[in-house]
Amino acid sequence: MSYGAAAALQTALYSLLSSAPALAGALVVDAMPPSAGAAAFVLIGPEEVLDQSDKSGDGAEHRIVVSVISDAAGFLTAKTLATAVSDCLTGATPVLSTGRVVSIQFARAVAKRLGDGDVRRIDLTFRVRIEI
């Protein structure tokens, strides 16, 4: 197993999301912006990596969470952005500087209210299969 493609994958995901027309104007980050920031943003978040090596070579499955966070009333804004994220990533095969993306598949989503309910968060989990 190798974790060697993790940084390359994050770079590729950032590039895909920040250049997606459906996400134009949405901030794409890998750390929470200052509290006086965007009303809605996309956060490239945590990941879990599992060995997927076989006799043909090294490989890994990255289970990566991409979150949409919005302070707009209701879930509509967050769900619209989450749909754009899902459409952008599912089935994409970005070129990596290390390794090769075999597939990106949507795994699950969890939508919830944060704190006193004024902020919505949707965590989308994707399975990314990489050959090293």
Protein backbone atom coordinates (compact mmCIF):
# COMPACT_ATOMS: atom_id res chain seq x y z
CA MET A 1 0.00 0.00 0.00
CA SER A 2 1.08 3.53 -0.55
CA TYR A 3 -0.06 6.87 0.77
CA GLY A 4 2.19 8.46 -1.84
CA ALA A 5 -0.63 9.78 -4.03
CA ALA A 6 -2.51 11.62 -1.25
CA ALA A 7 -1.09 15.07 -1.95
CA ALA A 8 -1.43 14.59 -5.71
CA LEU A 9 -5.08 13.56 -5.24
CA GLN A 10 -5.86 16.60 -3.10
CA THR A 11 -4.27 18.88 -5.69
CA ALA A 12 -6.30 17.25 -8.48
CA LEU A 13 -9.56 17.46 -6.53
CA TYR A 14 -8.95 21.13 -5.77
CA SER A 15 -8.28 21.79 -9.45
CA LEU A 16 -11.45 19.97 -10.54
CA LEU A 17 -13.68 21.69 -8.00
CA SER A 18 -12.26 25.19 -8.32
CA SER A 19 -12.63 25.13 -12.10
CA ALA A 20 -16.12 23.56 -12.26
CA PRO A 21 -18.59 25.98 -13.90
CA ALA A 22 -21.39 24.83 -11.56
CA LEU A 23 -19.25 25.90 -8.59
CA ALA A 24 -18.25 29.29 -10.02
CA GLY A 25 -18.09 31.80 -7.21
CA ALA A 26 -17.92 29.13 -4.48
CA LEU A 27 -14.81 29.17 -2.34
CA VAL A 28 -12.94 25.83 -2.41
CA VAL A 29 -10.61 25.31 0.56
CA ASP A 30 -8.82 22.63 2.57
CA ALA A 31 -9.06 24.50 5.87
CA MET A 32 -11.95 26.33 7.48
CA PRO A 33 -11.94 29.96 6.34
CA PRO A 34 -12.07 32.74 8.95
CA SER A 35 -15.54 33.10 10.47
CA ALA A 36 -16.13 36.38 8.61
CA GLY A 37 -15.74 34.63 5.28
CA ALA A 38 -17.88 33.13 2.58
CA ALA A 39 -21.57 32.43 3.10
CA ALA A 40 -21.12 29.05 1.40
CA PHE A 41 -17.98 27.09 0.62
CA VAL A 42 -16.59 23.69 -0.32
CA LEU A 43 -14.15 22.08 2.10
CA ILE A 44 -11.82 19.29 0.98
CA GLY A 45 -11.61 17.35 4.19
CA PRO A 46 -10.42 14.22 5.88
CA GLU A 47 -9.66 10.95 4.19
CA GLU A 48 -9.15 7.33 5.06
CA VAL A 49 -6.85 5.26 2.88
CA LEU A 50 -7.07 1.49 2.48
CA ASP A 51 -4.62 -0.84 0.81
CA GLN A 52 -5.84 -2.07 -2.58
CA SER A 53 -2.60 -3.58 -3.82
CA ASP A 54 -2.72 -6.82 -5.72
CA LYS A 55 -0.26 -8.94 -7.70
CA SER A 56 -0.42 -6.46 -10.59
CA GLY A 57 0.92 -3.61 -8.42
CA ASP A 58 0.42 -1.15 -5.61
CA GLY A 59 -2.88 0.59 -5.15
CA ALA A 60 -5.01 2.39 -2.62
CA GLU A 61 -8.60 3.35 -2.03
CA HIS A 62 -8.95 6.89 -0.69
CA ARG A 63 -12.24 7.56 1.05
CA ILE A 64 -12.28 11.31 0.99
CA VAL A 65 -14.87 13.66 2.46
CA VAL A 66 -15.78 16.86 0.64
CA SER A 67 -18.09 19.10 2.65
CA VAL A 68 -20.40 21.89 1.61
CA ILE A 69 -21.02 24.42 4.37
CA SER A 70 -23.62 27.18 4.03
CA ASP A 71 -25.24 29.74 6.29
CA ALA A 72 -28.09 30.32 3.82
CA ALA A 73 -31.58 29.69 5.18
CA GLY A 74 -32.70 26.12 4.58
CA PHE A 75 -30.79 23.34 2.85
CA LEU A 76 -31.43 24.36 -0.77
CA THR A 77 -28.18 26.30 -1.27
CA ALA A 78 -26.10 23.56 0.38
CA LYS A 79 -27.83 20.80 -1.59
CA THR A 80 -27.39 22.68 -4.87
CA LEU A 81 -23.65 23.05 -4.21
CA ALA A 82 -23.39 19.43 -3.01
CA THR A 83 -25.01 18.23 -6.23
CA ALA A 84 -22.49 20.24 -8.24
CA VAL A 85 -19.62 18.71 -6.23
CA SER A 86 -20.98 15.21 -6.78
CA ASP A 87 -21.52 15.78 -10.50
CA CYS A 88 -18.01 17.21 -10.83
CA LEU A 89 -16.21 14.37 -9.06
CA THR A 90 -18.23 11.22 -9.79
CA GLY A 91 -16.67 9.42 -12.72
CA ALA A 92 -13.88 11.97 -13.16
CA THR A 93 -10.39 10.67 -13.90
CA PRO A 94 -8.04 13.55 -13.13
CA VAL A 95 -4.36 13.25 -13.99
CA LEU A 96 -2.16 12.93 -10.91
CA SER A 97 1.50 13.76 -10.51
CA THR A 98 1.84 10.48 -8.58
CA GLY A 99 -0.23 7.43 -9.46
CA ARG A 100 -3.29 7.07 -11.68
CA VAL A 101 -6.95 7.51 -10.78
CA VAL A 102 -8.85 4.39 -11.78
CA SER A 103 -12.23 5.63 -10.60
CA ILE A 104 -14.06 8.11 -8.40
CA GLN A 105 -17.38 6.92 -7.04
CA PHE A 106 -19.89 8.62 -4.79
CA ALA A 107 -20.29 6.61 -1.57
CA ARG A 108 -22.63 8.59 0.70
CA ALA A 109 -23.80 11.96 1.95
CA VAL A 110 -24.87 13.23 5.36
CA ALA A 111 -26.74 16.53 5.68
CA LYS A 112 -27.04 18.21 9.07
CA ARG A 113 -27.52 21.50 10.90
CA LEU A 114 -24.61 22.81 12.96
CA GLY A 115 -24.71 24.64 16.26
CA ASP A 116 -27.98 26.50 16.74
CA GLY A 117 -29.20 25.46 13.29
CA ASP A 118 -28.15 28.53 11.31
CA VAL A 119 -25.44 26.67 9.39
CA ARG A 120 -25.97 23.66 7.13
CA ARG A 121 -23.27 21.10 6.36
CA ILE A 122 -23.35 18.28 3.83
CA ASP A 123 -20.50 15.77 4.00
CA LEU A 124 -20.06 13.84 0.76
CA THR A 125 -17.84 10.77 0.83
CA PHE A 126 -16.17 9.55 -2.35
CA ARG A 127 -14.18 6.38 -2.98
CA VAL A 128 -11.16 7.10 -5.15
CA ARG A 129 -9.27 4.07 -6.45
CA ILE A 130 -5.65 4.83 -7.33
CA GLU A 131 -2.96 2.66 -8.90
CA ILE A 132 0.56 3.59 -7.87
